N, C-alpha and C. Protein backbone atom coordinates (compact mmCIF):
# COMPACT_ATOMS: atom_id res chain seq x y z
N MET A 1 -140.77 30.88 -28.80
CA MET A 1 -140.25 30.98 -30.06
C MET A 1 -138.83 30.08 -29.96
N LYS A 2 -138.02 30.46 -28.83
CA LYS A 2 -136.60 29.63 -28.68
C LYS A 2 -136.92 28.05 -28.52
N ARG A 3 -138.22 27.78 -27.84
CA ARG A 3 -138.45 26.19 -27.72
C ARG A 3 -138.55 25.79 -29.17
N ALA A 4 -139.32 26.39 -30.07
CA ALA A 4 -139.58 25.84 -31.29
C ALA A 4 -138.27 25.76 -32.17
N TRP A 5 -137.41 26.67 -32.03
CA TRP A 5 -136.01 26.58 -32.66
C TRP A 5 -135.23 25.20 -32.04
N THR A 6 -135.35 25.12 -30.78
CA THR A 6 -134.73 23.96 -30.30
C THR A 6 -135.23 22.68 -30.68
N ILE A 7 -136.57 22.61 -30.56
CA ILE A 7 -137.12 21.40 -30.98
C ILE A 7 -136.91 21.14 -32.50
N GLY A 8 -137.11 22.14 -33.26
CA GLY A 8 -136.60 22.03 -34.83
C GLY A 8 -135.12 21.63 -34.99
N GLY A 9 -133.98 22.12 -34.27
CA GLY A 9 -132.74 21.74 -34.36
C GLY A 9 -132.62 20.15 -34.01
N ILE A 10 -133.11 19.88 -32.87
CA ILE A 10 -133.10 18.36 -32.49
C ILE A 10 -133.84 17.50 -33.51
N VAL A 11 -134.85 17.90 -34.09
CA VAL A 11 -135.44 16.84 -35.19
C VAL A 11 -134.64 16.86 -36.30
N LEU A 12 -133.90 18.23 -36.97
CA LEU A 12 -133.09 18.06 -38.02
C LEU A 12 -131.93 17.43 -37.67
N ILE A 13 -131.34 17.40 -36.57
CA ILE A 13 -130.00 16.56 -36.21
C ILE A 13 -130.54 15.14 -36.13
N LEU A 14 -131.49 14.66 -35.66
CA LEU A 14 -131.85 13.30 -35.49
C LEU A 14 -132.23 12.88 -36.95
N PHE A 15 -132.82 13.54 -37.77
CA PHE A 15 -133.08 13.10 -39.24
C PHE A 15 -131.92 12.93 -39.97
N LEU A 16 -130.82 14.02 -39.90
CA LEU A 16 -129.74 13.69 -40.54
C LEU A 16 -128.76 12.83 -40.11
N GLY A 17 -128.94 12.68 -38.84
CA GLY A 17 -128.09 11.44 -38.40
C GLY A 17 -128.53 9.86 -38.51
N TRP A 18 -129.92 10.03 -38.88
CA TRP A 18 -130.52 8.72 -39.16
C TRP A 18 -130.03 8.40 -40.58
N LYS A 19 -130.32 9.60 -41.46
CA LYS A 19 -130.06 9.53 -42.95
C LYS A 19 -128.54 9.01 -43.22
N PHE A 20 -127.49 9.15 -42.38
CA PHE A 20 -126.14 8.95 -42.68
C PHE A 20 -125.71 7.60 -41.91
N VAL A 21 -126.65 7.13 -41.06
CA VAL A 21 -126.07 5.98 -40.36
C VAL A 21 -126.47 4.69 -41.03
N ASP A 22 -125.66 3.71 -41.25
CA ASP A 22 -125.95 2.60 -42.06
C ASP A 22 -126.52 1.65 -40.98
N THR A 23 -127.88 1.32 -41.21
CA THR A 23 -128.79 0.65 -40.20
C THR A 23 -128.35 -0.93 -40.27
N ASP A 24 -127.62 -1.34 -41.52
CA ASP A 24 -127.42 -2.80 -41.63
C ASP A 24 -126.17 -3.06 -40.90
N ARG A 25 -125.24 -2.12 -40.43
CA ARG A 25 -124.22 -2.27 -39.50
C ARG A 25 -124.42 -1.83 -38.28
N LEU A 26 -125.44 -1.33 -37.91
CA LEU A 26 -125.71 -0.60 -36.64
C LEU A 26 -126.07 -1.84 -35.72
N PHE A 27 -125.45 -2.06 -34.54
CA PHE A 27 -125.75 -3.13 -33.82
C PHE A 27 -125.68 -4.64 -34.23
N ALA A 28 -124.71 -4.64 -35.15
CA ALA A 28 -124.56 -5.97 -35.78
C ALA A 28 -123.39 -6.45 -35.11
N ASP A 29 -123.20 -7.87 -35.02
CA ASP A 29 -122.10 -8.34 -34.82
C ASP A 29 -121.04 -8.63 -35.82
N VAL A 30 -119.72 -8.43 -35.58
CA VAL A 30 -118.80 -8.28 -36.68
C VAL A 30 -118.04 -9.69 -36.65
N TYR A 31 -117.82 -10.38 -37.85
CA TYR A 31 -116.96 -11.37 -37.98
C TYR A 31 -116.25 -11.21 -39.36
N TYR A 32 -114.89 -12.04 -38.97
CA TYR A 32 -114.17 -11.84 -40.25
C TYR A 32 -114.14 -13.21 -40.88
N ALA A 33 -113.93 -13.35 -42.24
CA ALA A 33 -114.24 -14.63 -42.90
C ALA A 33 -113.23 -14.53 -44.25
N LYS A 34 -112.76 -15.80 -44.62
CA LYS A 34 -112.21 -15.73 -46.00
C LYS A 34 -112.92 -16.62 -46.81
N VAL A 35 -113.16 -15.98 -48.06
CA VAL A 35 -113.93 -16.59 -49.16
C VAL A 35 -113.45 -17.83 -49.66
N PRO A 36 -114.14 -18.85 -49.46
CA PRO A 36 -113.65 -20.18 -50.04
C PRO A 36 -113.90 -20.39 -51.54
N SER A 37 -113.26 -21.42 -51.70
CA SER A 37 -113.22 -21.70 -53.36
C SER A 37 -114.45 -22.57 -53.79
N SER A 38 -114.62 -23.66 -53.06
CA SER A 38 -115.53 -24.63 -53.57
C SER A 38 -117.08 -24.48 -52.95
N GLU A 39 -117.14 -23.79 -51.99
CA GLU A 39 -118.59 -23.52 -51.30
C GLU A 39 -119.51 -22.61 -52.07
N ALA A 40 -118.99 -21.93 -52.98
CA ALA A 40 -119.74 -21.00 -53.77
C ALA A 40 -120.48 -21.69 -54.83
N ILE A 41 -121.94 -21.88 -54.57
CA ILE A 41 -122.99 -22.50 -55.26
C ILE A 41 -123.51 -21.56 -56.38
N ASP A 42 -123.50 -21.76 -57.49
CA ASP A 42 -124.17 -21.08 -58.63
C ASP A 42 -125.65 -21.39 -58.56
N ARG A 43 -126.59 -20.54 -58.30
CA ARG A 43 -127.97 -20.98 -58.41
C ARG A 43 -128.71 -19.85 -59.27
N GLY A 44 -128.26 -19.92 -60.46
CA GLY A 44 -128.67 -18.88 -61.44
C GLY A 44 -128.32 -17.47 -61.37
N THR A 45 -129.10 -16.65 -60.54
CA THR A 45 -128.62 -15.33 -60.51
C THR A 45 -127.82 -15.12 -59.31
N THR A 46 -127.78 -15.72 -58.12
CA THR A 46 -126.98 -15.60 -56.93
C THR A 46 -126.16 -16.64 -56.61
N TYR A 47 -125.19 -16.14 -55.83
CA TYR A 47 -124.04 -17.12 -55.39
C TYR A 47 -124.42 -17.48 -53.76
N THR A 48 -124.26 -18.70 -53.32
CA THR A 48 -124.46 -19.02 -51.92
C THR A 48 -122.95 -19.26 -51.41
N TYR A 49 -122.70 -18.70 -50.29
CA TYR A 49 -121.41 -18.81 -49.66
C TYR A 49 -121.47 -19.38 -48.23
N GLU A 50 -120.64 -20.31 -48.10
CA GLU A 50 -120.67 -20.91 -46.81
C GLU A 50 -119.22 -20.72 -46.15
N MET A 51 -119.37 -20.34 -45.24
CA MET A 51 -117.68 -20.12 -44.43
C MET A 51 -117.97 -20.11 -42.97
N ILE A 52 -116.59 -20.17 -42.46
CA ILE A 52 -116.37 -19.94 -40.88
C ILE A 52 -115.91 -18.59 -40.68
N GLY A 53 -116.67 -17.88 -39.71
CA GLY A 53 -116.33 -16.48 -39.39
C GLY A 53 -115.78 -16.46 -38.13
N TYR A 54 -114.94 -15.55 -37.79
CA TYR A 54 -114.09 -15.37 -36.38
C TYR A 54 -114.39 -13.90 -35.97
N ASP A 55 -114.78 -13.83 -34.78
CA ASP A 55 -115.07 -12.46 -34.29
C ASP A 55 -113.58 -11.93 -33.57
N GLU A 56 -113.60 -10.88 -33.04
CA GLU A 56 -112.29 -10.02 -32.53
C GLU A 56 -111.68 -10.99 -31.66
N ASP A 57 -112.44 -11.82 -30.74
CA ASP A 57 -111.94 -12.75 -29.73
C ASP A 57 -111.57 -14.16 -30.08
N GLY A 58 -111.55 -14.17 -31.40
CA GLY A 58 -111.24 -15.43 -32.04
C GLY A 58 -112.52 -16.61 -31.95
N LYS A 59 -113.61 -16.37 -31.58
CA LYS A 59 -114.74 -17.42 -31.44
C LYS A 59 -115.16 -17.63 -32.90
N LYS A 60 -115.49 -18.87 -33.44
CA LYS A 60 -116.09 -19.26 -34.58
C LYS A 60 -117.62 -19.18 -34.55
N ARG A 61 -118.05 -19.07 -35.88
CA ARG A 61 -119.39 -19.13 -36.18
C ARG A 61 -119.49 -19.49 -37.76
N PRO A 62 -120.61 -20.54 -38.00
CA PRO A 62 -120.55 -20.54 -39.55
C PRO A 62 -121.49 -19.59 -39.92
N ILE A 63 -121.18 -18.94 -41.06
CA ILE A 63 -121.82 -17.86 -41.81
C ILE A 63 -122.23 -18.41 -43.22
N THR A 64 -123.38 -18.09 -43.52
CA THR A 64 -123.99 -18.44 -44.86
C THR A 64 -124.79 -17.18 -45.38
N PHE A 65 -124.44 -16.80 -46.78
CA PHE A 65 -125.16 -15.75 -47.38
C PHE A 65 -125.19 -15.80 -48.62
N GLN A 66 -126.10 -15.18 -49.21
CA GLN A 66 -126.14 -15.25 -50.83
C GLN A 66 -125.91 -13.73 -51.32
N ASP A 67 -125.27 -13.85 -52.49
CA ASP A 67 -124.98 -12.53 -53.10
C ASP A 67 -124.90 -12.65 -54.58
N PRO A 68 -125.48 -11.52 -55.33
CA PRO A 68 -125.45 -11.85 -56.76
C PRO A 68 -124.24 -11.70 -57.53
N ARG A 69 -123.22 -11.17 -56.65
CA ARG A 69 -121.75 -11.20 -57.26
C ARG A 69 -120.92 -12.25 -56.90
N ARG A 70 -120.10 -12.71 -57.85
CA ARG A 70 -119.10 -13.76 -57.63
C ARG A 70 -118.03 -13.24 -56.75
N LEU A 71 -117.57 -13.60 -55.63
CA LEU A 71 -116.60 -13.04 -54.87
C LEU A 71 -115.24 -13.75 -55.28
N ALA A 72 -114.23 -13.10 -55.09
CA ALA A 72 -112.73 -13.62 -55.45
C ALA A 72 -112.15 -14.46 -54.27
N GLU A 73 -111.98 -15.75 -54.65
CA GLU A 73 -111.48 -16.89 -53.79
C GLU A 73 -110.22 -16.19 -53.19
N GLY A 74 -110.27 -16.35 -51.57
CA GLY A 74 -109.05 -16.24 -50.76
C GLY A 74 -109.31 -14.57 -50.33
N ASP A 75 -110.14 -13.76 -50.74
CA ASP A 75 -110.44 -12.53 -50.19
C ASP A 75 -110.93 -12.52 -48.70
N PHE A 76 -110.50 -11.62 -47.99
CA PHE A 76 -110.96 -11.38 -46.47
C PHE A 76 -112.14 -10.80 -46.41
N LEU A 77 -112.97 -10.99 -45.72
CA LEU A 77 -114.22 -10.10 -45.72
C LEU A 77 -114.80 -9.95 -43.96
N LYS A 78 -115.00 -8.74 -44.00
CA LYS A 78 -115.67 -8.05 -42.62
C LYS A 78 -117.30 -8.25 -42.66
N VAL A 79 -117.94 -9.24 -42.14
CA VAL A 79 -119.22 -9.61 -42.51
C VAL A 79 -120.06 -9.14 -41.16
N TYR A 80 -121.21 -8.52 -41.33
CA TYR A 80 -122.12 -7.90 -40.38
C TYR A 80 -123.12 -8.79 -40.05
N VAL A 81 -123.42 -9.38 -38.98
CA VAL A 81 -124.39 -10.46 -38.79
C VAL A 81 -125.48 -9.87 -37.59
N LYS A 82 -126.58 -10.06 -38.05
CA LYS A 82 -127.87 -9.72 -37.01
C LYS A 82 -128.57 -10.80 -36.93
N ASP A 83 -129.53 -10.80 -35.77
CA ASP A 83 -130.74 -11.73 -35.45
C ASP A 83 -130.45 -13.01 -36.21
N GLU A 84 -130.00 -14.12 -35.63
CA GLU A 84 -130.19 -15.51 -35.72
C GLU A 84 -129.46 -15.71 -37.15
N GLY A 85 -128.14 -15.15 -37.09
CA GLY A 85 -127.18 -15.34 -38.25
C GLY A 85 -127.67 -14.81 -39.59
N ARG A 86 -128.31 -13.82 -39.63
CA ARG A 86 -128.78 -12.96 -40.90
C ARG A 86 -127.65 -11.90 -41.16
N VAL A 87 -127.00 -12.26 -42.32
CA VAL A 87 -126.06 -11.38 -42.90
C VAL A 87 -126.35 -10.10 -43.46
N THR A 88 -126.25 -8.98 -42.85
CA THR A 88 -126.78 -7.70 -43.45
C THR A 88 -125.88 -7.02 -44.12
N ALA A 89 -124.71 -7.12 -44.11
CA ALA A 89 -123.62 -6.28 -44.99
C ALA A 89 -122.32 -6.98 -44.83
N TYR A 90 -121.43 -6.79 -45.81
CA TYR A 90 -120.20 -7.47 -45.83
C TYR A 90 -119.24 -6.39 -46.42
N GLU A 91 -117.82 -6.26 -46.33
CA GLU A 91 -117.10 -5.40 -47.00
C GLU A 91 -115.57 -6.24 -47.04
N PRO A 92 -114.86 -5.87 -47.92
CA PRO A 92 -113.52 -6.47 -47.98
C PRO A 92 -112.67 -6.01 -47.12
N VAL A 93 -111.70 -6.58 -46.61
CA VAL A 93 -110.76 -5.96 -45.50
C VAL A 93 -109.21 -6.60 -46.12
N ALA A 94 -108.16 -5.97 -45.51
CA ALA A 94 -107.09 -6.32 -45.88
C ALA A 94 -106.56 -7.43 -45.02
N GLU A 95 -105.69 -8.21 -45.08
CA GLU A 95 -105.31 -9.54 -44.31
C GLU A 95 -104.90 -9.02 -43.04
N SER A 96 -104.16 -7.66 -42.94
CA SER A 96 -103.56 -7.33 -41.69
C SER A 96 -104.78 -7.05 -40.74
N GLU A 97 -105.97 -6.85 -41.06
CA GLU A 97 -107.01 -6.54 -40.06
C GLU A 97 -107.61 -7.71 -39.64
N VAL A 98 -107.48 -8.91 -40.04
CA VAL A 98 -108.15 -10.24 -39.75
C VAL A 98 -107.57 -10.74 -38.46
N PRO A 99 -108.43 -11.20 -37.75
CA PRO A 99 -107.75 -12.31 -36.34
C PRO A 99 -106.86 -13.08 -36.67
N ASP A 100 -105.95 -13.36 -35.75
CA ASP A 100 -104.97 -14.44 -36.04
C ASP A 100 -105.31 -15.90 -36.23
N GLN A 101 -106.67 -16.05 -35.52
CA GLN A 101 -106.97 -17.46 -35.49
C GLN A 101 -107.48 -17.84 -37.01
N LEU A 102 -108.06 -16.84 -37.70
CA LEU A 102 -108.28 -17.01 -38.99
C LEU A 102 -107.18 -17.21 -40.00
N LYS A 103 -106.29 -16.51 -39.97
CA LYS A 103 -104.96 -16.70 -40.65
C LYS A 103 -104.63 -17.99 -40.42
N ASP A 104 -104.28 -18.53 -39.00
CA ASP A 104 -103.90 -19.71 -38.88
C ASP A 104 -104.56 -20.87 -39.28
N GLU A 105 -105.83 -20.82 -39.22
CA GLU A 105 -106.66 -21.87 -39.50
C GLU A 105 -106.61 -22.17 -41.14
N GLN A 106 -106.44 -20.92 -41.79
CA GLN A 106 -106.45 -20.95 -43.19
C GLN A 106 -105.19 -21.35 -43.72
N THR A 107 -103.95 -21.36 -43.03
CA THR A 107 -102.86 -21.60 -43.57
C THR A 107 -102.30 -22.99 -42.97
N ASP A 108 -103.37 -23.92 -42.39
CA ASP A 108 -102.91 -25.12 -41.70
C ASP A 108 -102.91 -26.20 -42.78
N GLU A 109 -103.14 -25.93 -44.06
CA GLU A 109 -103.21 -26.97 -45.18
C GLU A 109 -101.83 -27.50 -45.24
N PRO A 110 -101.87 -28.72 -45.65
CA PRO A 110 -100.53 -29.25 -45.83
C PRO A 110 -99.85 -28.53 -47.22
N VAL A 111 -98.67 -28.41 -47.15
CA VAL A 111 -97.84 -27.54 -48.30
C VAL A 111 -97.04 -28.84 -48.90
N ALA A 112 -97.39 -28.89 -50.24
CA ALA A 112 -96.35 -29.88 -51.23
C ALA A 112 -95.22 -29.18 -51.55
N ILE A 113 -94.13 -29.76 -51.24
CA ILE A 113 -92.70 -29.56 -51.40
C ILE A 113 -92.36 -30.27 -52.71
N PRO A 114 -92.03 -29.66 -53.93
CA PRO A 114 -91.75 -30.29 -55.09
C PRO A 114 -90.18 -31.04 -54.98
N LEU A 115 -90.16 -32.04 -55.31
CA LEU A 115 -88.92 -32.80 -55.33
C LEU A 115 -88.22 -32.54 -56.53
N PRO A 116 -86.71 -32.54 -56.25
CA PRO A 116 -86.02 -32.12 -57.58
C PRO A 116 -85.80 -33.15 -58.57
């Protein structure tokens, strides 16, 4: 009888654990990216985004994904990538959580100084 309760408890723990684990983020590579302005292509009901993502070590990777929502230009995203570049999930993050390489590359644009 004790063995049946033990097995039942283990099965219950595994079931509840699997139910609350987000499989889209489990074992995925994490990249950080900034939503571009001109690469969002409206294709009827979805938008296609093409951006450069950076991992925690600062390594670059091109990222492409589609979403039915229009993302705000300039927002920073934490993107979860699995299997051959397939984006499984993303979430907005604060600029303070993004690797420095992404911040540096995004601010390397020339700044126009107005003349008096």
